[in-house]
Amino acid sequence: IVVMLYGSFYLGERAMAKAQARSDQSQAVRTFEELLAGYVHSAYPYHASVRNLAVYFIGDDRSVEFVSSLSVGLGGRGMAKVRVSSELVGNQGATVTLEEEMPVRVSEKDQGGGGGYSNSLVIAEGLRGFRIEYLDSASENESWVDEWDGRQLRALPRAIRLVYHDEGGREVRRVYPIMIKMLAS
């Protein structure tokens, strides 16, 4: 009877540990997605000067850099330059890093100013097949593209889509609309 009880207890303990690990991983992914969604929803068509209509929003399939009207690091107040980038780490998948900088400095001459606030933090690890796509609503058929250069296009994309594979190998697609673009449409 003792052996049966110990076996039942052992199996129950292992099942709970696995469930807790899955729950922790799901919570980490939700936190990563919610944090990123807040910044993307608040993307702002920032112009370096009044005469220059170029919009500061630059992205490719591995990273995106833009100005957001939400600064999580300062409690949701103020404009921040945000960079989200991924780096492939061997067979372990992509590590996604979020960098935030205030005040906003977008030109080379602004970089030496010093002061201000900057922060960098890893927001996701082990994402397989991670890539970023941009919704181009200016073309005849709305389409997803792998690159966006707001300096040339003079506009924000309509949305950003993150694509990656979960631990089961299923493809996950998360679409984050850029709210100021949605309001202007």
C-alpha atoms as a PDB file:
ATOM      1  CA  ILE A   1       0.000   0.000   0.000  1.00  0.00           C
ATOM      2  CA  VAL A   2       2.867   2.374   0.859  1.00  0.00           C
ATOM      3  CA  VAL A   3       4.490   1.737  -2.551  1.00  0.00           C
ATOM      4  CA  MET A   4       1.193   2.450  -4.333  1.00  0.00           C
ATOM      5  CA  LEU A   5       0.649   5.624  -2.328  1.00  0.00           C
ATOM      6  CA  TYR A   6       4.198   6.809  -3.006  1.00  0.00           C
ATOM      7  CA  GLY A   7       3.780   6.042  -6.744  1.00  0.00           C
ATOM      8  CA  SER A   8       0.513   7.993  -6.877  1.00  0.00           C
ATOM      9  CA  PHE A   9       2.038  10.898  -4.991  1.00  0.00           C
ATOM     10  CA  TYR A  10       5.119  10.902  -7.258  1.00  0.00           C
ATOM     11  CA  LEU A  11       3.037  10.879 -10.471  1.00  0.00           C
ATOM     12  CA  GLY A  12       0.764  13.610  -9.137  1.00  0.00           C
ATOM     13  CA  GLU A  13       3.755  15.764  -8.188  1.00  0.00           C
ATOM     14  CA  ARG A  14       5.313  15.376 -11.657  1.00  0.00           C
ATOM     15  CA  ALA A  15       2.019  16.265 -13.356  1.00  0.00           C
ATOM     16  CA  MET A  16       1.701  19.408 -11.216  1.00  0.00           C
ATOM     17  CA  ALA A  17       5.297  20.442 -11.966  1.00  0.00           C
ATOM     18  CA  LYS A  18       4.711  20.066 -15.727  1.00  0.00           C
ATOM     19  CA  ALA A  19       1.444  22.020 -15.530  1.00  0.00           C
ATOM     20  CA  GLN A  20       3.176  24.801 -13.568  1.00  0.00           C
ATOM     21  CA  ALA A  21       6.019  24.998 -16.113  1.00  0.00           C
ATOM     22  CA  ARG A  22       3.508  25.273 -18.989  1.00  0.00           C
ATOM     23  CA  SER A  23       1.575  27.916 -17.078  1.00  0.00           C
ATOM     24  CA  ASP A  24       4.741  29.946 -16.410  1.00  0.00           C
ATOM     25  CA  GLN A  25       5.734  29.776 -20.071  1.00  0.00           C
ATOM     26  CA  SER A  26       2.248  30.834 -21.217  1.00  0.00           C
ATOM     27  CA  GLN A  27       2.304  33.746 -18.783  1.00  0.00           C
ATOM     28  CA  ALA A  28       5.719  34.870 -20.071  1.00  0.00           C
ATOM     29  CA  VAL A  29       4.446  34.838 -23.678  1.00  0.00           C
ATOM     30  CA  ARG A  30       1.300  36.775 -22.713  1.00  0.00           C
ATOM     31  CA  THR A  31       3.389  39.370 -20.874  1.00  0.00           C
ATOM     32  CA  PHE A  32       5.732  39.727 -23.880  1.00  0.00           C
ATOM     33  CA  GLU A  33       2.770  40.148 -26.252  1.00  0.00           C
ATOM     34  CA  GLU A  34       0.939  42.645 -24.015  1.00  0.00           C
ATOM     35  CA  LEU A  35       4.038  44.787 -23.491  1.00  0.00           C
ATOM     36  CA  LEU A  36       4.788  44.871 -27.194  1.00  0.00           C
ATOM     37  CA  ALA A  37       1.137  45.570 -28.044  1.00  0.00           C
ATOM     38  CA  GLY A  38       1.128  48.673 -25.836  1.00  0.00           C
ATOM     39  CA  TYR A  39       4.115  50.166 -27.623  1.00  0.00           C
ATOM     40  CA  VAL A  40       2.894  49.280 -31.131  1.00  0.00           C
ATOM     41  CA  HIS A  41      -0.662  50.543 -30.524  1.00  0.00           C
ATOM     42  CA  SER A  42       0.899  53.857 -29.460  1.00  0.00           C
ATOM     43  CA  ALA A  43       3.297  54.238 -32.413  1.00  0.00           C
ATOM     44  CA  TYR A  44       3.450  57.874 -33.404  1.00  0.00           C
ATOM     45  CA  PRO A  45       4.279  59.399 -36.832  1.00  0.00           C
ATOM     46  CA  TYR A  46       7.282  61.310 -35.479  1.00  0.00           C
ATOM     47  CA  HIS A  47       8.990  63.835 -37.776  1.00  0.00           C
ATOM     48  CA  ALA A  48      12.570  64.889 -36.976  1.00  0.00           C
ATOM     49  CA  SER A  49      11.744  68.445 -38.081  1.00  0.00           C
ATOM     50  CA  VAL A  50       8.832  70.504 -39.378  1.00  0.00           C
ATOM     51  CA  ARG A  51      10.330  70.660 -42.876  1.00  0.00           C
ATOM     52  CA  ASN A  52      11.098  66.949 -43.081  1.00  0.00           C
ATOM     53  CA  LEU A  53       7.962  64.830 -43.639  1.00  0.00           C
ATOM     54  CA  ALA A  54       9.840  61.563 -43.203  1.00  0.00           C
ATOM     55  CA  VAL A  55       8.272  59.409 -40.487  1.00  0.00           C
ATOM     56  CA  TYR A  56      10.614  57.719 -38.030  1.00  0.00           C
ATOM     57  CA  PHE A  57       9.579  54.069 -38.393  1.00  0.00           C
ATOM     58  CA  ILE A  58      12.168  51.600 -39.679  1.00  0.00           C
ATOM     59  CA  GLY A  59      11.775  47.859 -39.665  1.00  0.00           C
ATOM     60  CA  ASP A  60      12.795  44.597 -41.248  1.00  0.00           C
ATOM     61  CA  ASP A  61      11.917  40.985 -40.513  1.00  0.00           C
ATOM     62  CA  ARG A  62      14.166  40.867 -37.384  1.00  0.00           C
ATOM     63  CA  SER A  63      13.834  44.337 -35.823  1.00  0.00           C
ATOM     64  CA  VAL A  64      11.716  47.460 -35.755  1.00  0.00           C
ATOM     65  CA  GLU A  65      12.457  50.945 -34.458  1.00  0.00           C
ATOM     66  CA  PHE A  66       9.861  53.675 -33.995  1.00  0.00           C
ATOM     67  CA  VAL A  67       8.629  56.429 -31.694  1.00  0.00           C
ATOM     68  CA  SER A  68       5.843  55.550 -29.303  1.00  0.00           C
ATOM     69  CA  SER A  69       3.676  57.928 -27.306  1.00  0.00           C
ATOM     70  CA  LEU A  70       3.808  55.401 -24.462  1.00  0.00           C
ATOM     71  CA  SER A  71       6.842  55.043 -22.244  1.00  0.00           C
ATOM     72  CA  VAL A  72       6.343  52.025 -20.017  1.00  0.00           C
ATOM     73  CA  GLY A  73       9.642  52.744 -18.281  1.00  0.00           C
ATOM     74  CA  LEU A  74       8.343  56.112 -17.080  1.00  0.00           C
ATOM     75  CA  GLY A  75       4.896  54.941 -16.066  1.00  0.00           C
ATOM     76  CA  GLY A  76       3.172  55.472 -19.413  1.00  0.00           C
ATOM     77  CA  ARG A  77       4.115  59.132 -19.758  1.00  0.00           C
ATOM     78  CA  GLY A  78       6.075  60.713 -22.569  1.00  0.00           C
ATOM     79  CA  MET A  79       7.379  59.895 -26.022  1.00  0.00           C
ATOM     80  CA  ALA A  80      10.035  57.204 -26.304  1.00  0.00           C
ATOM     81  CA  LYS A  81      12.159  55.793 -29.088  1.00  0.00           C
ATOM     82  CA  VAL A  82      11.556  52.053 -29.041  1.00  0.00           C
ATOM     83  CA  ARG A  83      13.566  49.280 -30.663  1.00  0.00           C
ATOM     84  CA  VAL A  84      12.448  45.672 -30.713  1.00  0.00           C
ATOM     85  CA  SER A  85      15.037  43.268 -32.077  1.00  0.00           C
ATOM     86  CA  SER A  86      15.594  39.553 -32.237  1.00  0.00           C
ATOM     87  CA  GLU A  87      18.813  37.616 -32.223  1.00  0.00           C
ATOM     88  CA  LEU A  88      19.133  33.947 -33.069  1.00  0.00           C
ATOM     89  CA  VAL A  89      20.915  32.058 -30.278  1.00  0.00           C
ATOM     90  CA  GLY A  90      22.179  28.767 -31.711  1.00  0.00           C
ATOM     91  CA  ASN A  91      19.561  26.020 -31.573  1.00  0.00           C
ATOM     92  CA  GLN A  92      17.715  27.734 -28.731  1.00  0.00           C
ATOM     93  CA  GLY A  93      15.598  30.016 -30.936  1.00  0.00           C
ATOM     94  CA  ALA A  94      15.377  33.792 -30.962  1.00  0.00           C
ATOM     95  CA  THR A  95      15.859  36.125 -28.035  1.00  0.00           C
ATOM     96  CA  VAL A  96      13.725  39.267 -28.352  1.00  0.00           C
ATOM     97  CA  THR A  97      15.022  42.474 -26.755  1.00  0.00           C
ATOM     98  CA  LEU A  98      13.140  45.713 -26.141  1.00  0.00           C
ATOM     99  CA  GLU A  99      15.053  48.975 -25.833  1.00  0.00           C
ATOM    100  CA  GLU A 100      13.488  52.265 -24.811  1.00  0.00           C
ATOM    101  CA  GLU A 101      15.113  55.699 -24.931  1.00  0.00           C
ATOM    102  CA  MET A 102      13.943  59.097 -23.735  1.00  0.00           C
ATOM    103  CA  PRO A 103      14.170  61.863 -24.829  1.00  0.00           C
ATOM    104  CA  VAL A 104      13.630  60.832 -28.424  1.00  0.00           C
ATOM    105  CA  ARG A 105      16.837  61.146 -30.437  1.00  0.00           C
ATOM    106  CA  VAL A 106      16.520  60.140 -34.069  1.00  0.00           C
ATOM    107  CA  SER A 107      19.393  61.888 -35.822  1.00  0.00           C
ATOM    108  CA  GLU A 108      23.130  61.244 -35.572  1.00  0.00           C
ATOM    109  CA  LYS A 109      23.794  64.730 -34.133  1.00  0.00           C
ATOM    110  CA  ASP A 110      21.325  64.082 -31.269  1.00  0.00           C
ATOM    111  CA  GLN A 111      23.119  60.927 -30.089  1.00  0.00           C
ATOM    112  CA  GLY A 112      25.908  62.653 -28.171  1.00  0.00           C
ATOM    113  CA  GLY A 113      23.559  64.702 -25.976  1.00  0.00           C
ATOM    114  CA  GLY A 114      23.806  62.437 -22.930  1.00  0.00           C
ATOM    115  CA  GLY A 115      21.322  62.402 -20.103  1.00  0.00           C
ATOM    116  CA  GLY A 116      17.860  61.054 -20.379  1.00  0.00           C
ATOM    117  CA  TYR A 117      16.572  57.575 -19.757  1.00  0.00           C
ATOM    118  CA  SER A 118      17.381  54.366 -21.569  1.00  0.00           C
ATOM    119  CA  ASN A 119      16.583  50.789 -20.766  1.00  0.00           C
ATOM    120  CA  SER A 120      17.058  47.418 -22.415  1.00  0.00           C
ATOM    121  CA  LEU A 121      15.380  44.206 -21.434  1.00  0.00           C
ATOM    122  CA  VAL A 122      14.943  40.700 -22.807  1.00  0.00           C
ATOM    123  CA  ILE A 123      11.205  40.170 -23.251  1.00  0.00           C
ATOM    124  CA  ALA A 124      11.150  36.693 -24.829  1.00  0.00           C
ATOM    125  CA  GLU A 125      13.517  33.768 -25.265  1.00  0.00           C
ATOM    126  CA  GLY A 126      13.496  30.597 -27.314  1.00  0.00           C
ATOM    127  CA  LEU A 127      11.044  31.734 -29.998  1.00  0.00           C
ATOM    128  CA  ARG A 128      11.414  29.602 -33.116  1.00  0.00           C
ATOM    129  CA  GLY A 129      10.918  31.058 -36.590  1.00  0.00           C
ATOM    130  CA  PHE A 130      10.458  34.591 -35.198  1.00  0.00           C
ATOM    131  CA  ARG A 131       9.847  37.347 -37.743  1.00  0.00           C
ATOM    132  CA  ILE A 132       8.126  40.730 -37.995  1.00  0.00           C
ATOM    133  CA  GLU A 133       5.839  41.783 -40.868  1.00  0.00           C
ATOM    134  CA  TYR A 134       4.197  45.122 -41.723  1.00  0.00           C
ATOM    135  CA  LEU A 135       0.728  45.753 -43.206  1.00  0.00           C
ATOM    136  CA  ASP A 136       0.967  48.041 -46.219  1.00  0.00           C
ATOM    137  CA  SER A 137      -2.434  49.639 -46.749  1.00  0.00           C
ATOM    138  CA  ALA A 138      -1.187  52.089 -49.392  1.00  0.00           C
ATOM    139  CA  SER A 139      -0.983  49.436 -52.112  1.00  0.00           C
ATOM    140  CA  GLU A 140      -4.057  48.369 -54.107  1.00  0.00           C
ATOM    141  CA  ASN A 141      -4.281  45.114 -52.208  1.00  0.00           C
ATOM    142  CA  GLU A 142      -3.407  45.370 -48.555  1.00  0.00           C
ATOM    143  CA  SER A 143      -0.403  43.118 -48.165  1.00  0.00           C
ATOM    144  CA  TRP A 144       2.140  42.091 -45.545  1.00  0.00           C
ATOM    145  CA  VAL A 145       5.727  43.112 -46.317  1.00  0.00           C
ATOM    146  CA  ASP A 146       9.055  42.205 -44.654  1.00  0.00           C
ATOM    147  CA  GLU A 147      10.454  45.749 -44.516  1.00  0.00           C
ATOM    148  CA  TRP A 148       9.180  49.225 -43.753  1.00  0.00           C
ATOM    149  CA  ASP A 149      10.990  52.533 -44.153  1.00  0.00           C
ATOM    150  CA  GLY A 150       8.891  55.448 -42.957  1.00  0.00           C
ATOM    151  CA  ARG A 151      11.559  57.874 -44.145  1.00  0.00           C
ATOM    152  CA  GLN A 152      10.821  56.928 -47.754  1.00  0.00           C
ATOM    153  CA  LEU A 153       7.144  55.984 -47.441  1.00  0.00           C
ATOM    154  CA  ARG A 154       6.360  58.947 -45.154  1.00  0.00           C
ATOM    155  CA  ALA A 155       3.808  56.884 -43.283  1.00  0.00           C
ATOM    156  CA  LEU A 156       3.328  54.280 -40.608  1.00  0.00           C
ATOM    157  CA  PRO A 157       2.252  50.762 -41.524  1.00  0.00           C
ATOM    158  CA  ARG A 158      -1.356  49.948 -40.673  1.00  0.00           C
ATOM    159  CA  ALA A 159      -0.283  47.096 -38.351  1.00  0.00           C
ATOM    160  CA  ILE A 160       2.620  44.907 -37.274  1.00  0.00           C
ATOM    161  CA  ARG A 161       2.392  41.122 -37.261  1.00  0.00           C
ATOM    162  CA  LEU A 162       4.642  38.871 -35.194  1.00  0.00           C
ATOM    163  CA  VAL A 163       5.057  35.327 -36.458  1.00  0.00           C
ATOM    164  CA  TYR A 164       6.731  32.556 -34.456  1.00  0.00           C
ATOM    165  CA  HIS A 165       6.301  28.904 -33.532  1.00  0.00           C
ATOM    166  CA  ASP A 166       5.137  27.770 -30.107  1.00  0.00           C
ATOM    167  CA  GLU A 167       6.683  24.896 -28.172  1.00  0.00           C
ATOM    168  CA  GLY A 168       4.384  22.450 -30.008  1.00  0.00           C
ATOM    169  CA  GLY A 169       5.666  23.669 -33.387  1.00  0.00           C
ATOM    170  CA  ARG A 170       2.410  25.441 -34.310  1.00  0.00           C
ATOM    171  CA  GLU A 171       2.737  28.780 -36.071  1.00  0.00           C
ATOM    172  CA  VAL A 172       1.473  31.738 -34.014  1.00  0.00           C
ATOM    173  CA  ARG A 173       0.503  35.010 -35.701  1.00  0.00           C
ATOM    174  CA  ARG A 174      -0.260  38.073 -33.594  1.00  0.00           C
ATOM    175  CA  VAL A 175      -1.453  41.273 -35.271  1.00  0.00           C
ATOM    176  CA  TYR A 176      -1.047  44.614 -33.511  1.00  0.00           C
ATOM    177  CA  PRO A 177      -2.801  47.537 -35.253  1.00  0.00           C
ATOM    178  CA  ILE A 178      -1.206  50.960 -35.036  1.00  0.00           C
ATOM    179  CA  MET A 179      -4.037  52.942 -33.515  1.00  0.00           C
ATOM    180  CA  ILE A 180      -3.154  56.407 -34.837  1.00  0.00           C
ATOM    181  CA  LYS A 181      -3.125  54.916 -38.352  1.00  0.00           C
ATOM    182  CA  MET A 182      -6.499  53.258 -37.685  1.00  0.00           C
ATOM    183  CA  LEU A 183      -7.998  56.570 -36.496  1.00  0.00           C
ATOM    184  CA  ALA A 184      -6.680  58.404 -39.570  1.00  0.00           C
ATOM    185  CA  SER A 185      -8.185  55.859 -41.993  1.00  0.00           C
END
